[in-house]
PDB file of all heavy atoms in Angstrom:
ATOM      1  N   GLN A   1     -34.715  30.106 146.197  1.00  0.00           N
ATOM      2  CA  GLN A   1     -34.723  28.872 145.413  1.00  0.00           C
ATOM      3  C   GLN A   1     -33.660  28.962 144.340  1.00  0.00           C
ATOM      4  O   GLN A   1     -33.734  29.824 143.455  1.00  0.00           O
ATOM      5  CB  GLN A   1     -36.094  28.627 144.785  1.00  0.00           C
ATOM      6  CG  GLN A   1     -36.198  27.276 144.110  1.00  0.00           C
ATOM      7  CD  GLN A   1     -37.619  26.899 143.776  1.00  0.00           C
ATOM      8  OE1 GLN A   1     -38.498  27.752 143.662  1.00  0.00           O
ATOM      9  NE2 GLN A   1     -37.871  25.615 143.639  1.00  0.00           N
ATOM     10  N   ALA A   2     -32.672  28.085 144.439  1.00  0.00           N
ATOM     11  CA  ALA A   2     -31.613  28.001 143.448  1.00  0.00           C
ATOM     12  C   ALA A   2     -32.054  27.064 142.328  1.00  0.00           C
ATOM     13  O   ALA A   2     -32.923  26.201 142.542  1.00  0.00           O
ATOM     14  CB  ALA A   2     -30.338  27.498 144.093  1.00  0.00           C
ATOM     15  N   PRO A   3     -31.469  27.197 141.150  1.00  0.00           N
ATOM     16  CA  PRO A   3     -31.848  26.333 140.031  1.00  0.00           C
ATOM     17  C   PRO A   3     -31.697  24.852 140.386  1.00  0.00           C
ATOM     18  O   PRO A   3     -30.659  24.433 140.907  1.00  0.00           O
ATOM     19  CB  PRO A   3     -30.860  26.734 138.931  1.00  0.00           C
ATOM     20  CG  PRO A   3     -30.474  28.128 139.265  1.00  0.00           C
ATOM     21  CD  PRO A   3     -30.464  28.192 140.754  1.00  0.00           C
ATOM     22  N   GLY A   4     -32.742  24.087 140.141  1.00  0.00           N
ATOM     23  CA  GLY A   4     -32.700  22.660 140.382  1.00  0.00           C
ATOM     24  C   GLY A   4     -32.818  22.255 141.829  1.00  0.00           C
ATOM     25  O   GLY A   4     -32.672  21.068 142.158  1.00  0.00           O
ATOM     26  N   LYS A   5     -33.074  23.224 142.716  1.00  0.00           N
ATOM     27  CA  LYS A   5     -33.169  22.916 144.138  1.00  0.00           C
ATOM     28  C   LYS A   5     -34.519  23.335 144.690  1.00  0.00           C
ATOM     29  O   LYS A   5     -35.240  24.126 144.091  1.00  0.00           O
ATOM     30  CB  LYS A   5     -32.053  23.625 144.914  1.00  0.00           C
ATOM     31  CG  LYS A   5     -30.653  23.126 144.571  1.00  0.00           C
ATOM     32  CD  LYS A   5     -29.631  23.720 145.507  1.00  0.00           C
ATOM     33  CE  LYS A   5     -28.251  23.153 145.244  1.00  0.00           C
ATOM     34  NZ  LYS A   5     -27.232  23.707 146.168  1.00  0.00           N
ATOM     35  N   GLU A   6     -34.849  22.791 145.857  1.00  0.00           N
ATOM     36  CA  GLU A   6     -36.092  23.159 146.521  1.00  0.00           C
ATOM     37  C   GLU A   6     -35.929  24.544 147.156  1.00  0.00           C
ATOM     38  O   GLU A   6     -34.822  24.985 147.477  1.00  0.00           O
ATOM     39  CB  GLU A   6     -36.423  22.142 147.614  1.00  0.00           C
ATOM     40  CG  GLU A   6     -36.494  20.719 147.127  1.00  0.00           C
ATOM     41  CD  GLU A   6     -37.816  20.072 147.504  1.00  0.00           C
ATOM     42  OE1 GLU A   6     -38.393  20.460 148.528  1.00  0.00           O
ATOM     43  OE2 GLU A   6     -38.258  19.174 146.764  1.00  0.00           O
ATOM     44  N   ARG A   7     -37.069  25.197 147.340  1.00  0.00           N
ATOM     45  CA  ARG A   7     -37.030  26.487 148.013  1.00  0.00           C
ATOM     46  C   ARG A   7     -36.627  26.272 149.474  1.00  0.00           C
ATOM     47  O   ARG A   7     -37.060  25.285 150.108  1.00  0.00           O
ATOM     48  CB  ARG A   7     -38.403  27.158 147.928  1.00  0.00           C
ATOM     49  CG  ARG A   7     -38.418  28.588 148.422  1.00  0.00           C
ATOM     50  CD  ARG A   7     -39.589  29.367 147.839  1.00  0.00           C
ATOM     51  NE  ARG A   7     -40.863  28.741 148.091  1.00  0.00           N
ATOM     52  CZ  ARG A   7     -41.999  29.158 147.550  1.00  0.00           C
ATOM     53  NH1 ARG A   7     -42.007  30.194 146.732  1.00  0.00           N
ATOM     54  NH2 ARG A   7     -43.134  28.535 147.835  1.00  0.00           N
ATOM     55  N   GLU A   8     -35.830  27.181 150.005  1.00  0.00           N
ATOM     56  CA  GLU A   8     -35.334  27.027 151.371  1.00  0.00           C
ATOM     57  C   GLU A   8     -35.479  28.337 152.147  1.00  0.00           C
ATOM     58  O   GLU A   8     -35.453  29.435 151.582  1.00  0.00           O
ATOM     59  CB  GLU A   8     -33.865  26.579 151.377  1.00  0.00           C
ATOM     60  CG  GLU A   8     -32.899  27.581 150.782  1.00  0.00           C
ATOM     61  CD  GLU A   8     -31.441  27.153 150.894  1.00  0.00           C
ATOM     62  OE1 GLU A   8     -31.163  26.061 151.408  1.00  0.00           O
ATOM     63  OE2 GLU A   8     -30.587  27.943 150.457  1.00  0.00           O
ATOM     64  N   PHE A   9     -35.595  28.186 153.445  1.00  0.00           N
ATOM     65  CA  PHE A   9     -35.689  29.323 154.356  1.00  0.00           C
ATOM     66  C   PHE A   9     -34.359  30.047 154.420  1.00  0.00           C
ATOM     67  O   PHE A   9     -33.299  29.423 154.436  1.00  0.00           O
ATOM     68  CB  PHE A   9     -36.078  28.816 155.750  1.00  0.00           C
ATOM     69  CG  PHE A   9     -35.845  29.807 156.852  1.00  0.00           C
ATOM     70  CD1 PHE A   9     -36.697  30.884 157.010  1.00  0.00           C
ATOM     71  CD2 PHE A   9     -34.784  29.660 157.725  1.00  0.00           C
ATOM     72  CE1 PHE A   9     -36.482  31.801 158.027  1.00  0.00           C
ATOM     73  CE2 PHE A   9     -34.555  30.560 158.736  1.00  0.00           C
ATOM     74  CZ  PHE A   9     -35.415  31.639 158.891  1.00  0.00           C
ATOM     75  N   VAL A  10     -34.428  31.386 154.497  1.00  0.00           N
ATOM     76  CA  VAL A  10     -33.225  32.196 154.628  1.00  0.00           C
ATOM     77  C   VAL A  10     -33.218  32.975 155.941  1.00  0.00           C
ATOM     78  O   VAL A  10     -32.274  32.887 156.726  1.00  0.00           O
ATOM     79  CB  VAL A  10     -33.100  33.176 153.446  1.00  0.00           C
ATOM     80  CG1 VAL A  10     -31.895  34.103 153.649  1.00  0.00           C
ATOM     81  CG2 VAL A  10     -33.002  32.433 152.124  1.00  0.00           C
ATOM     82  N   ALA A  11     -34.280  33.766 156.169  1.00  0.00           N
ATOM     83  CA  ALA A  11     -34.305  34.625 157.357  1.00  0.00           C
ATOM     84  C   ALA A  11     -35.737  34.951 157.718  1.00  0.00           C
ATOM     85  O   ALA A  11     -36.625  34.930 156.852  1.00  0.00           O
ATOM     86  CB  ALA A  11     -33.523  35.913 157.111  1.00  0.00           C
ATOM     87  N   ALA A  12     -35.966  35.256 158.988  1.00  0.00           N
ATOM     88  CA  ALA A  12     -37.300  35.568 159.473  1.00  0.00           C
ATOM     89  C   ALA A  12     -37.244  36.708 160.467  1.00  0.00           C
ATOM     90  O   ALA A  12     -36.246  36.885 161.184  1.00  0.00           O
ATOM     91  CB  ALA A  12     -37.915  34.334 160.151  1.00  0.00           C
ATOM     92  N   ILE A  13     -38.336  37.464 160.526  1.00  0.00           N
ATOM     93  CA  ILE A  13     -38.452  38.528 161.520  1.00  0.00           C
ATOM     94  C   ILE A  13     -39.881  38.547 162.031  1.00  0.00           C
ATOM     95  O   ILE A  13     -40.832  38.412 161.256  1.00  0.00           O
ATOM     96  CB  ILE A  13     -38.026  39.892 160.939  1.00  0.00           C
ATOM     97  CG1 ILE A  13     -37.956  40.952 162.041  1.00  0.00           C
ATOM     98  CG2 ILE A  13     -38.932  40.327 159.796  1.00  0.00           C
ATOM     99  CD1 ILE A  13     -37.188  42.199 161.633  1.00  0.00           C
ATOM    100  N   SER A  14     -40.027  38.698 163.329  1.00  0.00           N
ATOM    101  CA  SER A  14     -41.355  38.692 163.927  1.00  0.00           C
ATOM    102  C   SER A  14     -42.098  39.982 163.592  1.00  0.00           C
ATOM    103  O   SER A  14     -41.511  40.967 163.136  1.00  0.00           O
ATOM    104  CB  SER A  14     -41.244  38.542 165.441  1.00  0.00           C
ATOM    105  OG  SER A  14     -40.538  39.650 165.996  1.00  0.00           O
ATOM    106  N   TRP A  15     -43.408  39.973 163.866  1.00  0.00           N
ATOM    107  CA  TRP A  15     -44.252  41.125 163.513  1.00  0.00           C
ATOM    108  C   TRP A  15     -43.788  42.400 164.192  1.00  0.00           C
ATOM    109  O   TRP A  15     -43.876  43.483 163.620  1.00  0.00           O
ATOM    110  CB  TRP A  15     -45.706  40.819 163.859  1.00  0.00           C
ATOM    111  CG  TRP A  15     -45.928  40.431 165.291  1.00  0.00           C
ATOM    112  CD1 TRP A  15     -45.844  39.186 165.832  1.00  0.00           C
ATOM    113  CD2 TRP A  15     -46.266  41.312 166.369  1.00  0.00           C
ATOM    114  NE1 TRP A  15     -46.096  39.235 167.174  1.00  0.00           N
ATOM    115  CE2 TRP A  15     -46.369  40.525 167.535  1.00  0.00           C
ATOM    116  CE3 TRP A  15     -46.503  42.689 166.463  1.00  0.00           C
ATOM    117  CZ2 TRP A  15     -46.701  41.059 168.775  1.00  0.00           C
ATOM    118  CZ3 TRP A  15     -46.830  43.215 167.694  1.00  0.00           C
ATOM    119  CH2 TRP A  15     -46.917  42.408 168.838  1.00  0.00           C
ATOM    120  N   SER A  16     -43.231  42.257 165.398  1.00  0.00           N
ATOM    121  CA  SER A  16     -42.764  43.441 166.141  1.00  0.00           C
ATOM    122  C   SER A  16     -41.330  43.811 165.792  1.00  0.00           C
ATOM    123  O   SER A  16     -40.858  44.895 166.144  1.00  0.00           O
ATOM    124  CB  SER A  16     -42.858  43.170 167.638  1.00  0.00           C
ATOM    125  OG  SER A  16     -41.955  42.131 167.995  1.00  0.00           O
ATOM    126  N   GLY A  17     -40.641  42.890 165.142  1.00  0.00           N
ATOM    127  CA  GLY A  17     -39.225  43.112 164.848  1.00  0.00           C
ATOM    128  C   GLY A  17     -38.293  42.712 165.974  1.00  0.00           C
ATOM    129  O   GLY A  17     -37.077  42.837 165.843  1.00  0.00           O
ATOM    130  N   SER A  18     -38.847  42.202 167.070  1.00  0.00           N
ATOM    131  CA  SER A  18     -38.020  41.891 168.232  1.00  0.00           C
ATOM    132  C   SER A  18     -37.311  40.550 168.137  1.00  0.00           C
ATOM    133  O   SER A  18     -36.365  40.292 168.888  1.00  0.00           O
ATOM    134  CB  SER A  18     -38.879  41.911 169.500  1.00  0.00           C
ATOM    135  OG  SER A  18     -39.901  40.937 169.419  1.00  0.00           O
ATOM    136  N   ARG A  19     -37.782  39.695 167.248  1.00  0.00           N
ATOM    137  CA  ARG A  19     -37.178  38.360 167.095  1.00  0.00           C
ATOM    138  C   ARG A  19     -36.780  38.143 165.643  1.00  0.00           C
ATOM    139  O   ARG A  19     -37.503  38.513 164.730  1.00  0.00           O
ATOM    140  CB  ARG A  19     -38.157  37.264 167.509  1.00  0.00           C
ATOM    141  CG  ARG A  19     -38.601  37.327 168.967  1.00  0.00           C
ATOM    142  CD  ARG A  19     -39.458  36.118 169.321  1.00  0.00           C
ATOM    143  NE  ARG A  19     -40.634  35.995 168.472  1.00  0.00           N
ATOM    144  CZ  ARG A  19     -41.777  36.612 168.674  1.00  0.00           C
ATOM    145  NH1 ARG A  19     -41.913  37.416 169.711  1.00  0.00           N
ATOM    146  NH2 ARG A  19     -42.795  36.437 167.860  1.00  0.00           N
ATOM    147  N   THR A  20     -35.613  37.555 165.455  1.00  0.00           N
ATOM    148  CA  THR A  20     -35.141  37.193 164.128  1.00  0.00           C
ATOM    149  C   THR A  20     -34.568  35.782 164.161  1.00  0.00           C
ATOM    150  O   THR A  20     -34.224  35.256 165.234  1.00  0.00           O
ATOM    151  CB  THR A  20     -34.052  38.150 163.620  1.00  0.00           C
ATOM    152  OG1 THR A  20     -32.952  38.143 164.540  1.00  0.00           O
ATOM    153  CG2 THR A  20     -34.583  39.569 163.459  1.00  0.00           C
ATOM    154  N   ALA A  21     -34.487  35.187 162.982  1.00  0.00           N
ATOM    155  CA  ALA A  21     -33.899  33.857 162.852  1.00  0.00           C
ATOM    156  C   ALA A  21     -33.248  33.756 161.478  1.00  0.00           C
ATOM    157  O   ALA A  21     -33.690  34.423 160.534  1.00  0.00           O
ATOM    158  CB  ALA A  21     -34.954  32.769 163.019  1.00  0.00           C
ATOM    159  N   TYR A  22     -32.207  32.931 161.389  1.00  0.00           N
ATOM    160  CA  TYR A  22     -31.465  32.793 160.140  1.00  0.00           C
ATOM    161  C   TYR A  22     -31.127  31.337 159.875  1.00  0.00           C
ATOM    162  O   TYR A  22     -30.894  30.552 160.802  1.00  0.00           O
ATOM    163  CB  TYR A  22     -30.159  33.589 160.216  1.00  0.00           C
ATOM    164  CG  TYR A  22     -30.360  35.071 160.385  1.00  0.00           C
ATOM    165  CD1 TYR A  22     -30.404  35.648 161.651  1.00  0.00           C
ATOM    166  CD2 TYR A  22     -30.539  35.892 159.278  1.00  0.00           C
ATOM    167  CE1 TYR A  22     -30.619  37.002 161.808  1.00  0.00           C
ATOM    168  CE2 TYR A  22     -30.747  37.254 159.428  1.00  0.00           C
ATOM    169  CZ  TYR A  22     -30.789  37.798 160.695  1.00  0.00           C
ATOM    170  OH  TYR A  22     -31.004  39.151 160.849  1.00  0.00           O
ATOM    171  N   ALA A  23     -31.047  31.004 158.600  1.00  0.00           N
ATOM    172  CA  ALA A  23     -30.506  29.706 158.216  1.00  0.00           C
ATOM    173  C   ALA A  23     -29.021  29.694 158.551  1.00  0.00           C
ATOM    174  O   ALA A  23     -28.343  30.732 158.483  1.00  0.00           O
ATOM    175  CB  ALA A  23     -30.704  29.484 156.723  1.00  0.00           C
ATOM    176  N   ASP A  24     -28.511  28.540 158.903  1.00  0.00           N
ATOM    177  CA  ASP A  24     -27.094  28.436 159.258  1.00  0.00           C
ATOM    178  C   ASP A  24     -26.196  28.917 158.123  1.00  0.00           C
ATOM    179  O   ASP A  24     -25.132  29.493 158.364  1.00  0.00           O
ATOM    180  CB  ASP A  24     -26.747  26.986 159.608  1.00  0.00           C
ATOM    181  CG  ASP A  24     -27.313  26.568 160.954  1.00  0.00           C
ATOM    182  OD1 ASP A  24     -27.702  27.447 161.749  1.00  0.00           O
ATOM    183  OD2 ASP A  24     -27.380  25.352 161.210  1.00  0.00           O
ATOM    184  N   SER A  25     -26.636  28.705 156.895  1.00  0.00           N
ATOM    185  CA  SER A  25     -25.805  29.027 155.736  1.00  0.00           C
ATOM    186  C   SER A  25     -25.591  30.530 155.552  1.00  0.00           C
ATOM    187  O   SER A  25     -24.669  30.946 154.850  1.00  0.00           O
ATOM    188  CB  SER A  25     -26.416  28.438 154.472  1.00  0.00           C
ATOM    189  OG  SER A  25     -27.727  28.934 154.282  1.00  0.00           O
ATOM    190  N   VAL A  26     -26.443  31.358 156.179  1.00  0.00           N
ATOM    191  CA  VAL A  26     -26.334  32.807 156.007  1.00  0.00           C
ATOM    192  C   VAL A  26     -26.048  33.534 157.311  1.00  0.00           C
ATOM    193  O   VAL A  26     -25.830  34.762 157.298  1.00  0.00           O
ATOM    194  CB  VAL A  26     -27.597  33.394 155.348  1.00  0.00           C
ATOM    195  CG1 VAL A  26     -27.920  32.666 154.054  1.00  0.00           C
ATOM    196  CG2 VAL A  26     -28.787  33.389 156.289  1.00  0.00           C
ATOM    197  N   LYS A  27     -26.051  32.815 158.407  1.00  0.00           N
ATOM    198  CA  LYS A  27     -25.855  33.441 159.710  1.00  0.00           C
ATOM    199  C   LYS A  27     -24.524  34.172 159.750  1.00  0.00           C
ATOM    200  O   LYS A  27     -23.494  33.641 159.330  1.00  0.00           O
ATOM    201  CB  LYS A  27     -25.928  32.363 160.794  1.00  0.00           C
ATOM    202  CG  LYS A  27     -26.342  32.853 162.152  1.00  0.00           C
ATOM    203  CD  LYS A  27     -26.617  31.683 163.089  1.00  0.00           C
ATOM    204  CE  LYS A  27     -27.872  30.933 162.720  1.00  0.00           C
ATOM    205  NZ  LYS A  27     -28.195  29.853 163.669  1.00  0.00           N
ATOM    206  N   GLY A  28     -24.546  35.402 160.233  1.00  0.00           N
ATOM    207  CA  GLY A  28     -23.330  36.211 160.300  1.00  0.00           C
ATOM    208  C   GLY A  28     -23.054  37.016 159.047  1.00  0.00           C
ATOM    209  O   GLY A  28     -22.215  37.913 159.058  1.00  0.00           O
ATOM    210  N   ARG A  29     -23.755  36.695 157.956  1.00  0.00           N
ATOM    211  CA  ARG A  29     -23.557  37.429 156.699  1.00  0.00           C
ATOM    212  C   ARG A  29     -24.790  38.230 156.288  1.00  0.00           C
ATOM    213  O   ARG A  29     -24.660  39.294 155.680  1.00  0.00           O
ATOM    214  CB  ARG A  29     -23.210  36.457 155.565  1.00  0.00           C
ATOM    215  CG  ARG A  29     -21.944  35.652 155.804  1.00  0.00           C
ATOM    216  CD  ARG A  29     -21.564  34.840 154.569  1.00  0.00           C
ATOM    217  NE  ARG A  29     -22.580  33.856 154.204  1.00  0.00           N
ATOM    218  CZ  ARG A  29     -23.200  33.811 153.032  1.00  0.00           C
ATOM    219  NH1 ARG A  29     -22.924  34.704 152.100  1.00  0.00           N
ATOM    220  NH2 ARG A  29     -24.100  32.880 152.785  1.00  0.00           N
ATOM    221  N   PHE A  30     -25.970  37.727 156.599  1.00  0.00           N
ATOM    222  CA  PHE A  30     -27.226  38.368 156.215  1.00  0.00           C
ATOM    223  C   PHE A  30     -27.896  38.979 157.440  1.00  0.00           C
ATOM    224  O   PHE A  30     -27.755  38.465 158.558  1.00  0.00           O
ATOM    225  CB  PHE A  30     -28.181  37.354 155.602  1.00  0.00           C
ATOM    226  CG  PHE A  30     -27.806  36.850 154.232  1.00  0.00           C
ATOM    227  CD1 PHE A  30     -26.538  37.072 153.685  1.00  0.00           C
ATOM    228  CD2 PHE A  30     -28.738  36.143 153.471  1.00  0.00           C
ATOM    229  CE1 PHE A  30     -26.213  36.600 152.423  1.00  0.00           C
ATOM    230  CE2 PHE A  30     -28.422  35.674 152.207  1.00  0.00           C
ATOM    231  CZ  PHE A  30     -27.153  35.890 151.689  1.00  0.00           C
ATOM    232  N   GLY A  31     -28.646  40.052 157.209  1.00  0.00           N
ATOM    233  CA  GLY A  31     -29.415  40.673 158.281  1.00  0.00           C
ATOM    234  C   GLY A  31     -30.807  41.032 157.796  1.00  0.00           C
ATOM    235  O   GLY A  31     -30.953  41.617 156.728  1.00  0.00           O
ATOM    236  N   ILE A  32     -31.821  40.651 158.560  1.00  0.00           N
ATOM    237  CA  ILE A  32     -33.189  40.979 158.212  1.00  0.00           C
ATOM    238  C   ILE A  32     -33.671  42.097 159.131  1.00  0.00           C
ATOM    239  O   ILE A  32     -33.343  42.128 160.328  1.00  0.00           O
ATOM    240  CB  ILE A  32     -34.117  39.735 158.320  1.00  0.00           C
ATOM    241  CG1 ILE A  32     -35.496  40.031 157.752  1.00  0.00           C
ATOM    242  CG2 ILE A  32     -34.183  39.214 159.746  1.00  0.00           C
ATOM    243  CD1 ILE A  32     -36.383  38.792 157.613  1.00  0.00           C
TER     244      ILE A  32
END
């Protein structure tokens, strides 16, 4: 959550770790 903005999704990982997902804004730069 940035100042003055709504909270937004960044990255996700499944319980097993086998699946991940990223917001377009961080894809290729962030790793979960």
